[in-house]
Amino acid sequence: MNVRYWFLTGIIMLALIGLFSNPSSFLREALFVIVVAGVIFILYRVITMRKPNGKDQRAFIRAAKKTKKKHKKRQTASVSSIQSRKKPIRKKSQANLTVIEGKKGKKKNRAF
């Protein structure tokens, strides 16, 4: 079999022996290992979240701030303009659509 399989089996067997020979000590050590792993994981997450990933991350954050400001300005401008006008004015459509002529009249040549 694989070396990893035997290694993992050996560790599990030692853990079971430790559990049956002295359960309180085994549980205390297991809890200690879990707490240490949790602290290391939390520290890793805090460190990786704090530092930006170079220029791309900083540029993204800057662009996001600009977009938020732009949307706030739009919302305040639209609210004030709607309140000042009495008649609602229809906005011009932003989409530039073109009609593409098809070949509906022609029959397909299905025989090659």
Protein backbone atom coordinates (compact mmCIF):
# COMPACT_ATOMS: atom_id res chain seq x y z
CA MET A 1 0.00 0.00 0.00
CA ASN A 2 0.88 3.66 0.15
CA VAL A 3 3.31 5.07 2.74
CA ARG A 4 0.84 7.80 3.69
CA TYR A 5 -1.80 5.19 4.44
CA TRP A 6 0.48 3.34 6.88
CA PHE A 7 1.64 6.58 8.48
CA LEU A 8 -1.94 7.75 9.02
CA THR A 9 -2.94 4.34 10.35
CA GLY A 10 -0.04 4.43 12.82
CA ILE A 11 -1.03 7.88 14.08
CA ILE A 12 -4.63 6.77 14.54
CA MET A 13 -3.52 3.65 16.44
CA LEU A 14 -1.31 5.72 18.76
CA ALA A 15 -4.20 8.10 19.36
CA LEU A 16 -6.49 5.20 20.27
CA ILE A 17 -3.87 3.76 22.63
CA GLY A 18 -3.53 7.17 24.28
CA LEU A 19 -7.30 7.48 24.54
CA PHE A 20 -7.71 4.11 26.26
CA SER A 21 -4.66 4.36 28.54
CA ASN A 22 -5.28 7.89 29.87
CA PRO A 23 -8.41 9.53 28.49
CA SER A 24 -8.21 12.80 30.43
CA SER A 25 -4.63 13.49 29.35
CA PHE A 26 -5.45 12.61 25.75
CA LEU A 27 -8.47 14.90 25.67
CA ARG A 28 -6.48 17.75 27.26
CA GLU A 29 -3.72 17.38 24.66
CA ALA A 30 -6.24 17.17 21.81
CA LEU A 31 -7.94 20.33 23.07
CA PHE A 32 -4.57 22.07 23.29
CA VAL A 33 -3.75 21.11 19.69
CA ILE A 34 -7.15 22.36 18.49
CA VAL A 35 -6.75 25.69 20.33
CA VAL A 36 -3.23 26.24 18.97
CA ALA A 37 -4.36 25.41 15.42
CA GLY A 38 -7.30 27.80 15.81
CA VAL A 39 -5.07 30.64 17.01
CA ILE A 40 -2.63 30.08 14.13
CA PHE A 41 -5.52 30.03 11.65
CA ILE A 42 -7.00 33.27 13.04
CA LEU A 43 -3.61 35.01 12.96
CA TYR A 44 -3.10 33.87 9.38
CA ARG A 45 -6.51 35.22 8.34
CA VAL A 46 -5.92 38.57 10.06
CA ILE A 47 -2.50 39.00 8.45
CA THR A 48 -3.70 38.08 4.96
CA MET A 49 -6.78 40.32 5.20
CA ARG A 50 -4.84 43.40 6.33
CA LYS A 51 -2.23 43.70 3.66
CA PRO A 52 -3.45 44.42 0.14
CA ASN A 53 -2.23 42.24 -2.70
CA GLY A 54 -0.17 44.85 -4.50
CA LYS A 55 -1.17 47.55 -6.96
CA ASP A 56 -4.19 45.70 -8.30
CA GLN A 57 -5.85 45.55 -4.90
CA ARG A 58 -5.21 49.24 -4.21
CA ALA A 59 -6.55 50.20 -7.64
CA PHE A 60 -9.66 48.11 -7.05
CA ILE A 61 -10.31 49.74 -3.67
CA ARG A 62 -9.85 53.22 -5.18
CA ALA A 63 -12.24 52.41 -8.04
CA ALA A 64 -14.83 51.04 -5.62
CA LYS A 65 -14.72 54.24 -3.58
CA LYS A 66 -15.19 56.36 -6.71
CA THR A 67 -18.15 54.25 -7.80
CA LYS A 68 -19.80 54.62 -4.38
CA LYS A 69 -19.37 58.40 -4.51
CA LYS A 70 -20.76 58.51 -8.04
CA HIS A 71 -23.87 56.53 -7.05
CA LYS A 72 -24.45 58.72 -4.01
CA LYS A 73 -24.26 61.87 -6.17
CA ARG A 74 -26.69 60.36 -8.68
CA GLN A 75 -29.18 59.41 -6.01
CA THR A 76 -29.14 62.83 -4.35
CA ALA A 77 -29.36 64.59 -7.73
CA SER A 78 -32.24 62.42 -8.92
CA VAL A 79 -34.18 62.85 -5.68
CA SER A 80 -33.80 66.63 -5.72
CA SER A 81 -34.66 66.91 -9.43
CA ILE A 82 -37.77 64.76 -9.03
CA GLN A 83 -38.97 66.84 -6.11
CA SER A 84 -38.37 70.12 -7.95
CA ARG A 85 -40.25 69.07 -11.11
CA LYS A 86 -43.97 68.63 -11.22
CA LYS A 87 -44.20 66.81 -14.56
CA PRO A 88 -42.26 63.60 -14.96
CA ILE A 89 -40.09 63.73 -18.08
CA ARG A 90 -39.42 60.55 -19.98
CA LYS A 91 -35.76 59.68 -20.26
CA LYS A 92 -34.23 58.82 -23.61
CA SER A 93 -33.32 55.17 -23.99
CA GLN A 94 -29.62 54.44 -23.55
CA ALA A 95 -29.63 51.38 -25.81
CA ASN A 96 -28.47 51.77 -29.41
CA LEU A 97 -30.34 49.05 -31.22
CA THR A 98 -30.12 48.29 -34.90
CA VAL A 99 -32.27 46.04 -37.03
CA ILE A 100 -30.46 43.30 -38.90
CA GLU A 101 -32.18 42.19 -42.07
CA GLY A 102 -32.64 38.46 -42.24
CA LYS A 103 -33.15 36.09 -45.14
CA LYS A 104 -36.65 34.91 -44.34
CA GLY A 105 -37.77 34.88 -47.96
CA LYS A 106 -35.03 32.57 -49.21
CA LYS A 107 -35.31 28.81 -48.83
CA LYS A 108 -32.36 26.80 -47.59
CA ASN A 109 -30.59 24.52 -50.03
CA ARG A 110 -30.68 21.31 -48.01
CA ALA A 111 -29.25 19.02 -50.66
CA PHE A 112 -25.48 19.11 -51.01
